[in-house]
């Protein structure tokens, strides 16, 4: 999986694990901040905390990811990490 910069997202920023977990990862960069985002999706159920955490530990660098609010009953989870360039 290639890591995108500034949200030019295409299929190279997406991977599907052998057990069916879809993983998307993007980085938005500005002169003052950086936002890393990881999205996890399954067709049959919501991804577990454990499988999301395994990927977050690999993808999100230099910041703590927080889960963004989702739609009830969704099979998608989204995590974001915000970094201020001054930090």
N, C-alpha and C. Protein backbone atom coordinates (compact mmCIF):
# COMPACT_ATOMS: atom_id res chain seq x y z
N UNK A 1 0.84 -1.16 0.00
CA UNK A 1 0.00 0.00 0.00
C UNK A 1 0.89 1.23 0.00
N UNK A 2 0.69 2.14 -0.92
CA UNK A 2 1.40 3.42 -0.93
C UNK A 2 0.72 4.35 0.06
N UNK A 3 1.48 5.27 0.65
CA UNK A 3 0.92 6.22 1.60
C UNK A 3 0.69 7.55 0.90
N UNK A 4 -0.58 8.00 0.85
CA UNK A 4 -0.89 9.22 0.11
C UNK A 4 -0.59 10.48 0.92
N UNK A 5 -0.31 11.54 0.22
CA UNK A 5 -0.10 12.84 0.83
C UNK A 5 -1.15 13.79 0.24
N UNK A 6 -1.72 14.62 1.10
CA UNK A 6 -2.71 15.63 0.70
C UNK A 6 -3.93 15.04 0.00
N UNK A 7 -4.38 13.90 0.46
CA UNK A 7 -5.66 13.32 0.10
C UNK A 7 -5.84 12.96 -1.37
N UNK A 8 -4.79 12.68 -2.08
CA UNK A 8 -4.94 12.16 -3.43
C UNK A 8 -5.15 10.66 -3.31
N UNK A 9 -6.36 10.29 -2.95
CA UNK A 9 -6.65 8.90 -2.62
C UNK A 9 -7.09 8.13 -3.86
N UNK A 10 -6.50 6.98 -4.03
CA UNK A 10 -6.93 6.05 -5.08
C UNK A 10 -6.73 4.65 -4.52
N UNK A 11 -6.87 3.65 -5.34
CA UNK A 11 -6.78 2.28 -4.86
C UNK A 11 -5.40 1.93 -4.29
N UNK A 12 -4.35 2.68 -4.62
CA UNK A 12 -3.03 2.37 -4.07
C UNK A 12 -2.96 2.72 -2.58
N UNK A 13 -3.96 3.45 -2.05
CA UNK A 13 -3.99 3.82 -0.64
C UNK A 13 -4.97 2.94 0.14
N UNK A 14 -5.31 1.83 -0.47
CA UNK A 14 -6.30 0.92 0.09
C UNK A 14 -5.76 -0.50 -0.01
N UNK A 15 -5.99 -1.26 1.03
CA UNK A 15 -5.63 -2.68 0.99
C UNK A 15 -6.73 -3.48 1.66
N UNK A 16 -6.84 -4.72 1.28
CA UNK A 16 -7.80 -5.64 1.90
C UNK A 16 -7.00 -6.82 2.43
N UNK A 17 -7.17 -7.10 3.72
CA UNK A 17 -6.45 -8.21 4.35
C UNK A 17 -7.06 -9.54 3.91
N UNK A 18 -6.34 -10.63 4.07
CA UNK A 18 -6.88 -11.94 3.68
C UNK A 18 -8.21 -12.29 4.36
N UNK A 19 -8.44 -11.74 5.57
CA UNK A 19 -9.70 -12.04 6.26
C UNK A 19 -10.81 -11.03 5.96
N UNK A 20 -10.57 -10.11 5.00
CA UNK A 20 -11.64 -9.22 4.52
C UNK A 20 -11.71 -7.84 5.14
N UNK A 21 -10.71 -7.42 5.91
CA UNK A 21 -10.70 -6.07 6.47
C UNK A 21 -10.16 -5.10 5.42
N UNK A 22 -10.94 -4.08 5.08
CA UNK A 22 -10.48 -3.02 4.18
C UNK A 22 -9.82 -1.93 5.02
N UNK A 23 -8.65 -1.47 4.58
CA UNK A 23 -7.90 -0.44 5.29
C UNK A 23 -7.56 0.67 4.30
N UNK A 24 -7.95 1.90 4.65
CA UNK A 24 -7.61 3.10 3.87
C UNK A 24 -6.77 3.99 4.76
N UNK A 25 -5.78 4.69 4.17
CA UNK A 25 -4.92 5.58 4.96
C UNK A 25 -4.59 6.81 4.14
N UNK A 26 -4.74 7.98 4.75
CA UNK A 26 -4.39 9.23 4.07
C UNK A 26 -3.64 10.15 5.03
N UNK A 27 -2.89 11.09 4.47
CA UNK A 27 -2.23 12.15 5.24
C UNK A 27 -2.55 13.46 4.54
N UNK A 28 -3.01 14.44 5.31
CA UNK A 28 -3.21 15.79 4.80
C UNK A 28 -2.11 16.65 5.42
N UNK A 29 -1.42 17.41 4.59
CA UNK A 29 -0.31 18.23 5.07
C UNK A 29 -0.55 19.67 4.68
N UNK A 30 -0.36 20.57 5.64
CA UNK A 30 -0.41 22.00 5.38
C UNK A 30 0.83 22.62 6.03
N UNK A 31 1.08 23.90 5.82
CA UNK A 31 2.26 24.51 6.45
C UNK A 31 2.21 24.47 7.99
N UNK A 32 1.01 24.32 8.56
CA UNK A 32 0.88 24.40 10.01
C UNK A 32 0.47 23.11 10.70
N UNK A 33 0.01 22.13 9.94
CA UNK A 33 -0.46 20.91 10.59
C UNK A 33 -0.40 19.71 9.66
N UNK A 34 -0.63 18.57 10.26
CA UNK A 34 -0.68 17.31 9.52
C UNK A 34 -1.81 16.49 10.13
N UNK A 35 -2.64 15.92 9.28
CA UNK A 35 -3.74 15.07 9.74
C UNK A 35 -3.57 13.70 9.10
N UNK A 36 -3.48 12.69 9.95
CA UNK A 36 -3.42 11.31 9.48
C UNK A 36 -4.80 10.69 9.71
N UNK A 37 -5.28 9.94 8.74
CA UNK A 37 -6.59 9.33 8.86
C UNK A 37 -6.52 7.88 8.41
N UNK A 38 -7.11 6.99 9.20
CA UNK A 38 -7.20 5.58 8.84
C UNK A 38 -8.66 5.16 8.94
N UNK A 39 -9.12 4.46 7.92
CA UNK A 39 -10.50 3.98 7.87
C UNK A 39 -10.48 2.47 7.74
N UNK A 40 -11.29 1.82 8.55
CA UNK A 40 -11.39 0.35 8.55
C UNK A 40 -12.82 -0.03 8.25
N UNK A 41 -12.99 -1.03 7.38
CA UNK A 41 -14.34 -1.40 6.98
C UNK A 41 -14.42 -2.91 6.73
N UNK A 42 -15.54 -3.47 7.08
CA UNK A 42 -15.85 -4.87 6.80
C UNK A 42 -17.23 -4.93 6.17
N UNK A 43 -17.46 -5.91 5.35
CA UNK A 43 -18.76 -6.08 4.73
C UNK A 43 -19.77 -6.74 5.65
N UNK A 44 -19.29 -7.49 6.64
CA UNK A 44 -20.19 -8.29 7.46
C UNK A 44 -20.40 -7.79 8.89
N UNK A 45 -19.50 -6.94 9.38
CA UNK A 45 -19.60 -6.47 10.77
C UNK A 45 -18.65 -5.29 10.97
N UNK A 46 -18.79 -4.65 12.13
CA UNK A 46 -17.87 -3.56 12.46
C UNK A 46 -16.50 -4.15 12.82
N UNK A 47 -15.40 -3.57 12.35
CA UNK A 47 -14.07 -4.04 12.72
C UNK A 47 -13.87 -3.95 14.24
N UNK A 48 -13.18 -4.92 14.80
CA UNK A 48 -12.95 -4.95 16.25
C UNK A 48 -11.88 -3.94 16.67
N UNK A 49 -11.88 -3.63 17.97
CA UNK A 49 -10.84 -2.75 18.52
C UNK A 49 -9.46 -3.32 18.26
N UNK A 50 -9.32 -4.64 18.46
CA UNK A 50 -8.01 -5.28 18.31
C UNK A 50 -7.48 -5.16 16.88
N UNK A 51 -8.31 -5.45 15.88
CA UNK A 51 -7.79 -5.39 14.51
C UNK A 51 -7.53 -3.94 14.07
N UNK A 52 -8.31 -2.98 14.55
CA UNK A 52 -8.02 -1.57 14.24
C UNK A 52 -6.73 -1.13 14.91
N UNK A 53 -6.55 -1.50 16.18
CA UNK A 53 -5.36 -1.09 16.93
C UNK A 53 -4.08 -1.63 16.29
N UNK A 54 -4.12 -2.86 15.80
CA UNK A 54 -2.93 -3.43 15.15
C UNK A 54 -2.49 -2.55 13.98
N UNK A 55 -3.44 -2.14 13.16
CA UNK A 55 -3.12 -1.29 12.01
C UNK A 55 -2.76 0.12 12.43
N UNK A 56 -3.48 0.68 13.40
CA UNK A 56 -3.17 2.05 13.85
C UNK A 56 -1.75 2.15 14.37
N UNK A 57 -1.30 1.13 15.09
CA UNK A 57 0.08 1.13 15.60
C UNK A 57 1.11 1.17 14.47
N UNK A 58 0.76 0.62 13.31
CA UNK A 58 1.67 0.62 12.16
C UNK A 58 1.55 1.90 11.33
N UNK A 59 0.34 2.45 11.21
CA UNK A 59 0.09 3.56 10.30
C UNK A 59 0.26 4.94 10.91
N UNK A 60 -0.28 5.15 12.08
CA UNK A 60 -0.27 6.49 12.69
C UNK A 60 1.05 6.69 13.43
N UNK A 61 1.82 7.66 12.94
CA UNK A 61 3.17 7.90 13.47
C UNK A 61 3.23 9.28 14.12
N UNK A 62 3.76 9.33 15.33
CA UNK A 62 4.02 10.61 15.99
C UNK A 62 2.80 11.27 16.61
N UNK A 63 1.68 10.59 16.71
CA UNK A 63 0.47 11.18 17.29
C UNK A 63 -0.44 10.07 17.80
N UNK A 64 -1.38 10.44 18.65
CA UNK A 64 -2.36 9.50 19.17
C UNK A 64 -3.64 9.61 18.34
N UNK A 65 -4.10 8.50 17.79
CA UNK A 65 -5.32 8.50 16.98
C UNK A 65 -6.55 8.46 17.85
N UNK A 66 -7.57 9.21 17.44
CA UNK A 66 -8.87 9.21 18.12
C UNK A 66 -9.92 8.75 17.13
N UNK A 67 -10.88 7.97 17.63
CA UNK A 67 -11.93 7.51 16.75
C UNK A 67 -12.94 8.63 16.52
N UNK A 68 -13.27 8.85 15.26
CA UNK A 68 -14.26 9.86 14.89
C UNK A 68 -15.66 9.25 15.07
N UNK A 69 -16.65 10.08 15.38
CA UNK A 69 -18.01 9.56 15.52
C UNK A 69 -18.45 8.90 14.22
N UNK A 70 -19.20 7.82 14.36
CA UNK A 70 -19.68 7.09 13.19
C UNK A 70 -21.19 6.97 13.21
N UNK A 71 -21.71 6.41 12.16
CA UNK A 71 -23.14 6.18 12.02
C UNK A 71 -23.49 4.89 12.76
N UNK A 72 -24.52 4.91 13.62
CA UNK A 72 -24.91 3.68 14.32
C UNK A 72 -25.21 2.55 13.33
N UNK A 73 -24.70 1.36 13.64
CA UNK A 73 -24.93 0.20 12.79
C UNK A 73 -24.00 0.11 11.59
N UNK A 74 -23.08 1.07 11.46
CA UNK A 74 -22.14 1.08 10.33
C UNK A 74 -21.09 -0.02 10.50
N UNK A 75 -20.56 -0.49 9.39
CA UNK A 75 -19.47 -1.47 9.44
C UNK A 75 -18.14 -0.78 9.15
N UNK A 76 -18.10 0.55 9.35
CA UNK A 76 -16.90 1.36 9.08
C UNK A 76 -16.50 2.10 10.35
N UNK A 77 -15.19 2.15 10.60
CA UNK A 77 -14.63 2.93 11.71
C UNK A 77 -13.55 3.85 11.15
N UNK A 78 -13.52 5.10 11.63
CA UNK A 78 -12.56 6.08 11.15
C UNK A 78 -11.80 6.66 12.34
N UNK A 79 -10.47 6.74 12.19
CA UNK A 79 -9.59 7.27 13.22
C UNK A 79 -8.78 8.42 12.63
N UNK A 80 -8.57 9.46 13.43
CA UNK A 80 -7.80 10.62 12.99
C UNK A 80 -6.73 10.96 14.03
N UNK A 81 -5.62 11.49 13.55
CA UNK A 81 -4.56 11.99 14.42
C UNK A 81 -4.14 13.35 13.89
N UNK A 82 -4.23 14.37 14.74
CA UNK A 82 -3.89 15.74 14.35
C UNK A 82 -2.55 16.11 14.98
N UNK A 83 -1.69 16.70 14.16
CA UNK A 83 -0.40 17.16 14.64
C UNK A 83 -0.22 18.61 14.25
N UNK A 84 0.20 19.43 15.20
CA UNK A 84 0.50 20.81 14.94
C UNK A 84 1.97 20.90 14.57
N UNK A 85 2.31 21.62 13.52
CA UNK A 85 3.70 21.70 13.07
C UNK A 85 4.60 22.34 14.13
N UNK A 86 4.02 23.11 15.03
CA UNK A 86 4.81 23.75 16.09
C UNK A 86 5.21 22.78 17.18
N UNK A 87 4.56 21.59 17.24
CA UNK A 87 4.87 20.67 18.33
C UNK A 87 6.05 19.81 18.03
